[in-house]
Amino acid sequence: MKFYALAILRIRGEVPARLQLMYLSDGQQLTYTPDRDELERFGRTLKAIWAAIRSAVASGDFRPRRSRLCGMCEHKSRCPEFGGEIPAYPGPPPGFRG
């Protein structure tokens, strides 16, 4: 919900009073009361993540990192973390502006 709160702040210029997520299957409700400073920090974090992604796309440097998600991954045979070799990087997609 923090991402949506940040989007509202960027589009409307105001911090939403509260966001609420309602699960229709079981009626569970989650609420989030955003804070401007927290949203600004989150925005800076997102910018840093996006800059890192753009840099990786430009350079082809995608370093593997083991996590609990590895158990669900279908690419272990290619992953250096599991003894595999990464295929050659074909380069950034057409139209990419790094």
PDB file of N, CA and C in Angstrom:
ATOM      1  N   MET A   1       0.820  -1.193   0.000  1.00  0.00           N
ATOM      2  CA  MET A   1       0.000   0.000   0.000  1.00  0.00           C
ATOM      3  C   MET A   1       0.863   1.256   0.000  1.00  0.00           C
ATOM      4  N   LYS A   2       2.079   1.108   0.475  1.00  0.00           N
ATOM      5  CA  LYS A   2       2.974   2.264   0.522  1.00  0.00           C
ATOM      6  C   LYS A   2       3.233   2.806  -0.882  1.00  0.00           C
ATOM      7  N   PHE A   3       3.350   1.908  -1.852  1.00  0.00           N
ATOM      8  CA  PHE A   3       3.577   2.343  -3.234  1.00  0.00           C
ATOM      9  C   PHE A   3       2.403   3.189  -3.718  1.00  0.00           C
ATOM     10  N   TYR A   4       1.181   2.757  -3.417  1.00  0.00           N
ATOM     11  CA  TYR A   4      -0.001   3.506  -3.829  1.00  0.00           C
ATOM     12  C   TYR A   4      -0.065   4.851  -3.123  1.00  0.00           C
ATOM     13  N   ALA A   5       0.306   4.882  -1.852  1.00  0.00           N
ATOM     14  CA  ALA A   5       0.326   6.144  -1.112  1.00  0.00           C
ATOM     15  C   ALA A   5       1.318   7.109  -1.751  1.00  0.00           C
ATOM     16  N   LEU A   6       2.476   6.596  -2.154  1.00  0.00           N
ATOM     17  CA  LEU A   6       3.475   7.437  -2.813  1.00  0.00           C
ATOM     18  C   LEU A   6       2.948   7.941  -4.154  1.00  0.00           C
ATOM     19  N   ALA A   7       2.254   7.095  -4.895  1.00  0.00           N
ATOM     20  CA  ALA A   7       1.679   7.512  -6.180  1.00  0.00           C
ATOM     21  C   ALA A   7       0.669   8.639  -5.972  1.00  0.00           C
ATOM     22  N   ILE A   8      -0.165   8.520  -4.959  1.00  0.00           N
ATOM     23  CA  ILE A   8      -1.144   9.573  -4.669  1.00  0.00           C
ATOM     24  C   ILE A   8      -0.426  10.865  -4.301  1.00  0.00           C
ATOM     25  N   LEU A   9       0.623  10.759  -3.491  1.00  0.00           N
ATOM     26  CA  LEU A   9       1.400  11.943  -3.122  1.00  0.00           C
ATOM     27  C   LEU A   9       1.994  12.603  -4.361  1.00  0.00           C
ATOM     28  N   ARG A  10       2.552  11.820  -5.269  1.00  0.00           N
ATOM     29  CA  ARG A  10       3.183  12.377  -6.469  1.00  0.00           C
ATOM     30  C   ARG A  10       2.151  12.971  -7.440  1.00  0.00           C
ATOM     31  N   ILE A  11       1.009  12.322  -7.574  1.00  0.00           N
ATOM     32  CA  ILE A  11      -0.002  12.772  -8.540  1.00  0.00           C
ATOM     33  C   ILE A  11      -0.821  13.943  -8.003  1.00  0.00           C
ATOM     34  N   ARG A  12      -1.261  13.827  -6.761  1.00  0.00           N
ATOM     35  CA  ARG A  12      -2.151  14.842  -6.188  1.00  0.00           C
ATOM     36  C   ARG A  12      -1.438  15.869  -5.312  1.00  0.00           C
ATOM     37  N   GLY A  13      -0.207  15.539  -4.910  1.00  0.00           N
ATOM     38  CA  GLY A  13       0.521  16.461  -4.048  1.00  0.00           C
ATOM     39  C   GLY A  13       0.080  16.431  -2.601  1.00  0.00           C
ATOM     40  N   GLU A  14      -0.644  15.393  -2.228  1.00  0.00           N
ATOM     41  CA  GLU A  14      -1.096  15.294  -0.834  1.00  0.00           C
ATOM     42  C   GLU A  14      -0.947  13.861  -0.333  1.00  0.00           C
ATOM     43  N   VAL A  15      -0.680  13.757   0.953  1.00  0.00           N
ATOM     44  CA  VAL A  15      -0.558  12.440   1.579  1.00  0.00           C
ATOM     45  C   VAL A  15      -1.963  11.943   1.896  1.00  0.00           C
ATOM     46  N   PRO A  16      -2.317  10.758   1.435  1.00  0.00           N
ATOM     47  CA  PRO A  16      -3.645  10.237   1.765  1.00  0.00           C
ATOM     48  C   PRO A  16      -3.773  10.003   3.268  1.00  0.00           C
ATOM     49  N   ALA A  17      -4.955  10.237   3.797  1.00  0.00           N
ATOM     50  CA  ALA A  17      -5.182  10.063   5.234  1.00  0.00           C
ATOM     51  C   ALA A  17      -5.036   8.603   5.644  1.00  0.00           C
ATOM     52  N   ARG A  18      -5.553   7.713   4.817  1.00  0.00           N
ATOM     53  CA  ARG A  18      -5.489   6.285   5.134  1.00  0.00           C
ATOM     54  C   ARG A  18      -5.759   5.486   3.868  1.00  0.00           C
ATOM     55  N   LEU A  19      -5.084   4.351   3.756  1.00  0.00           N
ATOM     56  CA  LEU A  19      -5.366   3.415   2.675  1.00  0.00           C
ATOM     57  C   LEU A  19      -5.880   2.131   3.300  1.00  0.00           C
ATOM     58  N   GLN A  20      -6.779   1.486   2.597  1.00  0.00           N
ATOM     59  CA  GLN A  20      -7.369   0.264   3.128  1.00  0.00           C
ATOM     60  C   GLN A  20      -7.444  -0.779   2.025  1.00  0.00           C
ATOM     61  N   LEU A  21      -7.016  -1.982   2.368  1.00  0.00           N
ATOM     62  CA  LEU A  21      -7.080  -3.115   1.453  1.00  0.00           C
ATOM     63  C   LEU A  21      -8.058  -4.117   2.037  1.00  0.00           C
ATOM     64  N   MET A  22      -9.035  -4.507   1.230  1.00  0.00           N
ATOM     65  CA  MET A  22     -10.044  -5.454   1.695  1.00  0.00           C
ATOM     66  C   MET A  22      -9.953  -6.726   0.864  1.00  0.00           C
ATOM     67  N   TYR A  23      -9.708  -7.846   1.536  1.00  0.00           N
ATOM     68  CA  TYR A  23      -9.677  -9.140   0.864  1.00  0.00           C
ATOM     69  C   TYR A  23     -11.106  -9.648   0.747  1.00  0.00           C
ATOM     70  N   LEU A  24     -11.559  -9.825  -0.470  1.00  0.00           N
ATOM     71  CA  LEU A  24     -12.941 -10.234  -0.685  1.00  0.00           C
ATOM     72  C   LEU A  24     -13.190 -11.674  -0.277  1.00  0.00           C
ATOM     73  N   SER A  25     -12.166 -12.512  -0.338  1.00  0.00           N
ATOM     74  CA  SER A  25     -12.368 -13.929  -0.032  1.00  0.00           C
ATOM     75  C   SER A  25     -12.727 -14.169   1.428  1.00  0.00           C
ATOM     76  N   ASP A  26     -12.076 -13.446   2.342  1.00  0.00           N
ATOM     77  CA  ASP A  26     -12.340 -13.696   3.763  1.00  0.00           C
ATOM     78  C   ASP A  26     -12.741 -12.445   4.547  1.00  0.00           C
ATOM     79  N   GLY A  27     -12.837 -11.307   3.871  1.00  0.00           N
ATOM     80  CA  GLY A  27     -13.261 -10.088   4.538  1.00  0.00           C
ATOM     81  C   GLY A  27     -12.176  -9.401   5.358  1.00  0.00           C
ATOM     82  N   GLN A  28     -10.964  -9.944   5.345  1.00  0.00           N
ATOM     83  CA  GLN A  28      -9.878  -9.332   6.107  1.00  0.00           C
ATOM     84  C   GLN A  28      -9.592  -7.936   5.559  1.00  0.00           C
ATOM     85  N   GLN A  29      -9.313  -6.995   6.478  1.00  0.00           N
ATOM     86  CA  GLN A  29      -9.009  -5.629   6.078  1.00  0.00           C
ATOM     87  C   GLN A  29      -7.654  -5.219   6.636  1.00  0.00           C
ATOM     88  N   LEU A  30      -6.842  -4.619   5.781  1.00  0.00           N
ATOM     89  CA  LEU A  30      -5.566  -4.068   6.203  1.00  0.00           C
ATOM     90  C   LEU A  30      -5.622  -2.566   5.984  1.00  0.00           C
ATOM     91  N   THR A  31      -5.140  -1.803   6.943  1.00  0.00           N
ATOM     92  CA  THR A  31      -5.118  -0.359   6.788  1.00  0.00           C
ATOM     93  C   THR A  31      -3.692   0.152   6.937  1.00  0.00           C
ATOM     94  N   TYR A  32      -3.437   1.276   6.301  1.00  0.00           N
ATOM     95  CA  TYR A  32      -2.119   1.898   6.349  1.00  0.00           C
ATOM     96  C   TYR A  32      -2.322   3.401   6.418  1.00  0.00           C
ATOM     97  N   THR A  33      -1.725   4.023   7.415  1.00  0.00           N
ATOM     98  CA  THR A  33      -1.777   5.469   7.570  1.00  0.00           C
ATOM     99  C   THR A  33      -0.392   6.015   7.235  1.00  0.00           C
ATOM    100  N   PRO A  34      -0.236   6.568   6.042  1.00  0.00           N
ATOM    101  CA  PRO A  34       1.093   6.997   5.609  1.00  0.00           C
ATOM    102  C   PRO A  34       1.546   8.293   6.274  1.00  0.00           C
ATOM    103  N   ASP A  35       2.851   8.466   6.278  1.00  0.00           N
ATOM    104  CA  ASP A  35       3.498   9.646   6.829  1.00  0.00           C
ATOM    105  C   ASP A  35       4.360  10.243   5.712  1.00  0.00           C
ATOM    106  N   ARG A  36       4.315  11.556   5.538  1.00  0.00           N
ATOM    107  CA  ARG A  36       5.032  12.204   4.433  1.00  0.00           C
ATOM    108  C   ARG A  36       6.521  11.860   4.438  1.00  0.00           C
ATOM    109  N   ASP A  37       7.175  11.943   5.588  1.00  0.00           N
ATOM    110  CA  ASP A  37       8.610  11.645   5.650  1.00  0.00           C
ATOM    111  C   ASP A  37       8.898  10.203   5.239  1.00  0.00           C
ATOM    112  N   GLU A  38       8.058   9.289   5.714  1.00  0.00           N
ATOM    113  CA  GLU A  38       8.231   7.877   5.359  1.00  0.00           C
ATOM    114  C   GLU A  38       8.069   7.680   3.851  1.00  0.00           C
ATOM    115  N   LEU A  39       7.078   8.349   3.268  1.00  0.00           N
ATOM    116  CA  LEU A  39       6.852   8.221   1.825  1.00  0.00           C
ATOM    117  C   LEU A  39       8.004   8.824   1.027  1.00  0.00           C
ATOM    118  N   GLU A  40       8.555   9.933   1.500  1.00  0.00           N
ATOM    119  CA  GLU A  40       9.702  10.537   0.811  1.00  0.00           C
ATOM    120  C   GLU A  40      10.908   9.598   0.859  1.00  0.00           C
ATOM    121  N   ARG A  41      11.151   8.965   2.016  1.00  0.00           N
ATOM    122  CA  ARG A  41      12.246   7.989   2.123  1.00  0.00           C
ATOM    123  C   ARG A  41      12.004   6.814   1.182  1.00  0.00           C
ATOM    124  N   PHE A  42      10.766   6.331   1.158  1.00  0.00           N
ATOM    125  CA  PHE A  42      10.405   5.224   0.283  1.00  0.00           C
ATOM    126  C   PHE A  42      10.623   5.609  -1.181  1.00  0.00           C
ATOM    127  N   GLY A  43      10.270   6.835  -1.542  1.00  0.00           N
ATOM    128  CA  GLY A  43      10.491   7.314  -2.902  1.00  0.00           C
ATOM    129  C   GLY A  43      11.968   7.315  -3.266  1.00  0.00           C
ATOM    130  N   ARG A  44      12.822   7.736  -2.331  1.00  0.00           N
ATOM    131  CA  ARG A  44      14.268   7.714  -2.588  1.00  0.00           C
ATOM    132  C   ARG A  44      14.770   6.282  -2.735  1.00  0.00           C
ATOM    133  N   THR A  45      14.226   5.375  -1.925  1.00  0.00           N
ATOM    134  CA  THR A  45      14.607   3.962  -2.030  1.00  0.00           C
ATOM    135  C   THR A  45      14.221   3.407  -3.396  1.00  0.00           C
ATOM    136  N   LEU A  46      13.014   3.707  -3.851  1.00  0.00           N
ATOM    137  CA  LEU A  46      12.572   3.237  -5.172  1.00  0.00           C
ATOM    138  C   LEU A  46      13.454   3.791  -6.284  1.00  0.00           C
ATOM    139  N   LYS A  47      13.830   5.065  -6.180  1.00  0.00           N
ATOM    140  CA  LYS A  47      14.712   5.651  -7.195  1.00  0.00           C
ATOM    141  C   LYS A  47      16.057   4.938  -7.221  1.00  0.00           C
ATOM    142  N   ALA A  48      16.589   4.616  -6.052  1.00  0.00           N
ATOM    143  CA  ALA A  48      17.876   3.914  -5.980  1.00  0.00           C
ATOM    144  C   ALA A  48      17.766   2.513  -6.578  1.00  0.00           C
ATOM    145  N   ILE A  49      16.676   1.821  -6.284  1.00  0.00           N
ATOM    146  CA  ILE A  49      16.466   0.481  -6.846  1.00  0.00           C
ATOM    147  C   ILE A  49      16.359   0.565  -8.368  1.00  0.00           C
ATOM    148  N   TRP A  50      15.606   1.537  -8.858  1.00  0.00           N
ATOM    149  CA  TRP A  50      15.438   1.679 -10.301  1.00  0.00           C
ATOM    150  C   TRP A  50      16.769   2.018 -10.968  1.00  0.00           C
ATOM    151  N   ALA A  51      17.570   2.868 -10.342  1.00  0.00           N
ATOM    152  CA  ALA A  51      18.889   3.205 -10.892  1.00  0.00           C
ATOM    153  C   ALA A  51      19.773   1.963 -10.958  1.00  0.00           C
ATOM    154  N   ALA A  52      19.709   1.118  -9.936  1.00  0.00           N
ATOM    155  CA  ALA A  52      20.500  -0.118  -9.928  1.00  0.00           C
ATOM    156  C   ALA A  52      20.039  -1.068 -11.035  1.00  0.00           C
ATOM    157  N   ILE A  53      18.744  -1.148 -11.263  1.00  0.00           N
ATOM    158  CA  ILE A  53      18.213  -2.003 -12.333  1.00  0.00           C
ATOM    159  C   ILE A  53      18.674  -1.487 -13.693  1.00  0.00           C
ATOM    160  N   ARG A  54      18.576  -0.187 -13.908  1.00  0.00           N
ATOM    161  CA  ARG A  54      19.007   0.397 -15.188  1.00  0.00           C
ATOM    162  C   ARG A  54      20.494   0.162 -15.426  1.00  0.00           C
ATOM    163  N   SER A  55      21.283   0.296 -14.372  1.00  0.00           N
ATOM    164  CA  SER A  55      22.723   0.065 -14.484  1.00  0.00           C
ATOM    165  C   SER A  55      23.010  -1.395 -14.843  1.00  0.00           C
ATOM    166  N   ALA A  56      22.291  -2.309 -14.204  1.00  0.00           N
ATOM    167  CA  ALA A  56      22.482  -3.737 -14.489  1.00  0.00           C
ATOM    168  C   ALA A  56      22.082  -4.064 -15.923  1.00  0.00           C
ATOM    169  N   VAL A  57      20.995  -3.473 -16.395  1.00  0.00           N
ATOM    170  CA  VAL A  57      20.565  -3.719 -17.773  1.00  0.00           C
ATOM    171  C   VAL A  57      21.615  -3.197 -18.753  1.00  0.00           C
ATOM    172  N   ALA A  58      22.166  -2.029 -18.472  1.00  0.00           N
ATOM    173  CA  ALA A  58      23.170  -1.445 -19.366  1.00  0.00           C
ATOM    174  C   ALA A  58      24.455  -2.267 -19.395  1.00  0.00           C
ATOM    175  N   SER A  59      24.860  -2.780 -18.238  1.00  0.00           N
ATOM    176  CA  SER A  59      26.145  -3.483 -18.145  1.00  0.00           C
ATOM    177  C   SER A  59      26.038  -4.998 -18.293  1.00  0.00           C
ATOM    178  N   GLY A  60      24.854  -5.532 -18.048  1.00  0.00           N
ATOM    179  CA  GLY A  60      24.688  -6.984 -18.061  1.00  0.00           C
ATOM    180  C   GLY A  60      25.136  -7.638 -16.771  1.00  0.00           C
ATOM    181  N   ASP A  61      25.400  -6.846 -15.750  1.00  0.00           N
ATOM    182  CA  ASP A  61      25.885  -7.356 -14.464  1.00  0.00           C
ATOM    183  C   ASP A  61      24.703  -7.668 -13.548  1.00  0.00           C
ATOM    184  N   PHE A  62      24.213  -8.887 -13.635  1.00  0.00           N
ATOM    185  CA  PHE A  62      23.104  -9.352 -12.805  1.00  0.00           C
ATOM    186  C   PHE A  62      23.648 -10.412 -11.856  1.00  0.00           C
ATOM    187  N   ARG A  63      24.028 -10.002 -10.678  1.00  0.00           N
ATOM    188  CA  ARG A  63      24.646 -10.932  -9.729  1.00  0.00           C
ATOM    189  C   ARG A  63      23.585 -11.761  -9.011  1.00  0.00           C
ATOM    190  N   PRO A  64      23.793 -13.071  -8.970  1.00  0.00           N
ATOM    191  CA  PRO A  64      22.834 -13.925  -8.267  1.00  0.00           C
ATOM    192  C   PRO A  64      22.960 -13.745  -6.760  1.00  0.00           C
ATOM    193  N   ARG A  65      21.866 -13.990  -6.087  1.00  0.00           N
ATOM    194  CA  ARG A  65      21.854 -13.886  -4.637  1.00  0.00           C
ATOM    195  C   ARG A  65      20.877 -14.935  -4.106  1.00  0.00           C
ATOM    196  N   ARG A  66      21.389 -15.848  -3.310  1.00  0.00           N
ATOM    197  CA  ARG A  66      20.521 -16.890  -2.749  1.00  0.00           C
ATOM    198  C   ARG A  66      19.494 -16.276  -1.810  1.00  0.00           C
ATOM    199  N   SER A  67      18.291 -16.813  -1.908  1.00  0.00           N
ATOM    200  CA  SER A  67      17.223 -16.409  -0.992  1.00  0.00           C
ATOM    201  C   SER A  67      16.223 -17.553  -0.901  1.00  0.00           C
ATOM    202  N   ARG A  68      15.213 -17.380  -0.106  1.00  0.00           N
ATOM    203  CA  ARG A  68      14.199 -18.435   0.025  1.00  0.00           C
ATOM    204  C   ARG A  68      13.412 -18.622  -1.268  1.00  0.00           C
ATOM    205  N   LEU A  69      13.478 -17.648  -2.166  1.00  0.00           N
ATOM    206  CA  LEU A  69      12.791 -17.771  -3.451  1.00  0.00           C
ATOM    207  C   LEU A  69      13.478 -18.764  -4.380  1.00  0.00           C
ATOM    208  N   CYS A  70      14.735 -19.090  -4.095  1.00  0.00           N
ATOM    209  CA  CYS A  70      15.470 -20.037  -4.946  1.00  0.00           C
ATOM    210  C   CYS A  70      14.751 -21.385  -5.035  1.00  0.00           C
ATOM    211  N   GLY A  71      14.041 -21.752  -4.001  1.00  0.00           N
ATOM    212  CA  GLY A  71      13.330 -23.024  -3.999  1.00  0.00           C
ATOM    213  C   GLY A  71      12.261 -23.114  -5.075  1.00  0.00           C
ATOM    214  N   MET A  72      11.766 -21.977  -5.537  1.00  0.00           N
ATOM    215  CA  MET A  72      10.712 -21.955  -6.552  1.00  0.00           C
ATOM    216  C   MET A  72      11.244 -21.670  -7.949  1.00  0.00           C
ATOM    217  N   CYS A  73      12.533 -21.390  -8.062  1.00  0.00           N
ATOM    218  CA  CYS A  73      13.114 -20.943  -9.330  1.00  0.00           C
ATOM    219  C   CYS A  73      13.355 -22.112 -10.288  1.00  0.00           C
ATOM    220  N   GLU A  74      13.041 -21.884 -11.550  1.00  0.00           N
ATOM    221  CA  GLU A  74      13.237 -22.899 -12.584  1.00  0.00           C
ATOM    222  C   GLU A  74      14.553 -22.716 -13.335  1.00  0.00           C
ATOM    223  N   HIS A  75      15.400 -21.794 -12.888  1.00  0.00           N
ATOM    224  CA  HIS A  75      16.632 -21.488 -13.620  1.00  0.00           C
ATOM    225  C   HIS A  75      17.892 -21.855 -12.845  1.00  0.00           C
ATOM    226  N   LYS A  76      17.787 -22.761 -11.905  1.00  0.00           N
ATOM    227  CA  LYS A  76      18.953 -23.146 -11.102  1.00  0.00           C
ATOM    228  C   LYS A  76      20.071 -23.718 -11.967  1.00  0.00           C
ATOM    229  N   SER A  77      19.718 -24.403 -13.044  1.00  0.00           N
ATOM    230  CA  SER A  77      20.752 -25.006 -13.898  1.00  0.00           C
ATOM    231  C   SER A  77      21.633 -23.937 -14.547  1.00  0.00           C
ATOM    232  N   ARG A  78      21.139 -22.723 -14.654  1.00  0.00           N
ATOM    233  CA  ARG A  78      21.904 -21.622 -15.246  1.00  0.00           C
ATOM    234  C   ARG A  78      22.557 -20.732 -14.192  1.00  0.00           C
ATOM    235  N   CYS A  79      22.232 -20.963 -12.954  1.00  0.00           N
ATOM    236  CA  CYS A  79      22.641 -20.049 -11.884  1.00  0.00           C
ATOM    237  C   CYS A  79      23.986 -20.439 -11.275  1.00  0.00           C
ATOM    238  N   PRO A  80      24.934 -19.497 -11.207  1.00  0.00           N
ATOM    239  CA  PRO A  80      26.232 -19.786 -10.592  1.00  0.00           C
ATOM    240  C   PRO A  80      26.117 -20.181  -9.117  1.00  0.00           C
ATOM    241  N   GLU A  81      25.075 -19.751  -8.456  1.00  0.00           N
ATOM    242  CA  GLU A  81      24.871 -20.123  -7.055  1.00  0.00           C
ATOM    243  C   GLU A  81      24.636 -21.621  -6.901  1.00  0.00           C
ATOM    244  N   PHE A  82      24.236 -22.274  -7.994  1.00  0.00           N
ATOM    245  CA  PHE A  82      23.956 -23.707  -7.964  1.00  0.00           C
ATOM    246  C   PHE A  82      24.847 -24.469  -8.944  1.00  0.00           C
ATOM    247  N   GLY A  83      25.992 -23.883  -9.283  1.00  0.00           N
ATOM    248  CA  GLY A  83      26.956 -24.550 -10.154  1.00  0.00           C
ATOM    249  C   GLY A  83      26.716 -24.379 -11.639  1.00  0.00           C
ATOM    250  N   GLY A  84      25.737 -23.585 -12.010  1.00  0.00           N
ATOM    251  CA  GLY A  84      25.442 -23.381 -13.424  1.00  0.00           C
ATOM    252  C   GLY A  84      26.238 -22.236 -14.019  1.00  0.00           C
ATOM    253  N   GLU A  85      26.096 -22.078 -15.314  1.00  0.00           N
ATOM    254  CA  GLU A  85      26.753 -20.982 -16.016  1.00  0.00           C
ATOM    255  C   GLU A  85      25.702 -20.083 -16.644  1.00  0.00           C
ATOM    256  N   ILE A  86      25.905 -18.800 -16.492  1.00  0.00           N
ATOM    257  CA  ILE A  86      24.983 -17.828 -17.057  1.00  0.00           C
ATOM    258  C   ILE A  86      25.200 -17.762 -18.566  1.00  0.00           C
ATOM    259  N   PRO A  87      24.126 -17.823 -19.358  1.00  0.00           N
ATOM    260  CA  PRO A  87      24.278 -17.664 -20.804  1.00  0.00           C
ATOM    261  C   PRO A  87      24.821 -16.269 -21.131  1.00  0.00           C
ATOM    262  N   ALA A  88      25.386 -16.104 -22.300  1.00  0.00           N
ATOM    263  CA  ALA A  88      25.905 -14.799 -22.723  1.00  0.00           C
ATOM    264  C   ALA A  88      24.780 -13.763 -22.711  1.00  0.00           C
ATOM    265  N   TYR A  89      25.099 -12.572 -22.240  1.00  0.00           N
ATOM    266  CA  TYR A  89      24.121 -11.486 -22.179  1.00  0.00           C
ATOM    267  C   TYR A  89      23.913 -10.920 -23.581  1.00  0.00           C
ATOM    268  N   PRO A  90      22.677 -10.910 -24.072  1.00  0.00           N
ATOM    269  CA  PRO A  90      22.432 -10.417 -25.427  1.00  0.00           C
ATOM    270  C   PRO A  90      22.462  -8.896 -25.528  1.00  0.00           C
ATOM    271  N   GLY A  91      22.582  -8.215 -24.417  1.00  0.00           N
ATOM    272  CA  GLY A  91      22.590  -6.752 -24.406  1.00  0.00           C
ATOM    273  C   GLY A  91      21.235  -6.205 -24.024  1.00  0.00           C
ATOM    274  N   PRO A  92      21.177  -4.903 -23.818  1.00  0.00           N
ATOM    275  CA  PRO A  92      19.910  -4.287 -23.434  1.00  0.00           C
ATOM    276  C   PRO A  92      18.865  -4.427 -24.536  1.00  0.00           C
ATOM    277  N   PRO A  93      17.603  -4.365 -24.179  1.00  0.00           N
ATOM    278  CA  PRO A  93      16.549  -4.474 -25.187  1.00  0.00           C
ATOM    279  C   PRO A  93      16.554  -3.255 -26.114  1.00  0.00           C
ATOM    280  N   PRO A  94      16.003  -3.406 -27.306  1.00  0.00           N
ATOM    281  CA  PRO A  94      15.935  -2.274 -28.239  1.00  0.00           C
ATOM    282  C   PRO A  94      15.208  -1.093 -27.594  1.00  0.00           C
ATOM    283  N   GLY A  95      15.736   0.076 -27.793  1.00  0.00           N
ATOM    284  CA  GLY A  95      15.110   1.277 -27.254  1.00  0.00           C
ATOM    285  C   GLY A  95      15.493   1.603 -25.827  1.00  0.00           C
ATOM    286  N   PHE A  96      16.300   0.749 -25.199  1.00  0.00           N
ATOM    287  CA  PHE A  96      16.708   1.002 -23.815  1.00  0.00           C
ATOM    288  C   PHE A  96      17.591   2.235 -23.764  1.00  0.00           C
ATOM    289  N   ARG A  97      17.288   3.102 -22.802  1.00  0.00           N
ATOM    290  CA  ARG A  97      18.110   4.295 -22.589  1.00  0.00           C
ATOM    291  C   ARG A  97      18.660   4.241 -21.177  1.00  0.00           C
ATOM    292  N   GLY A  98      19.918   3.867 -21.064  1.00  0.00           N
ATOM    293  CA  GLY A  98      20.548   3.726 -19.760  1.00  0.00           C
ATOM    294  C   GLY A  98      21.060   5.007 -19.283  1.00  0.00           C
TER     295      GLY A  98
END
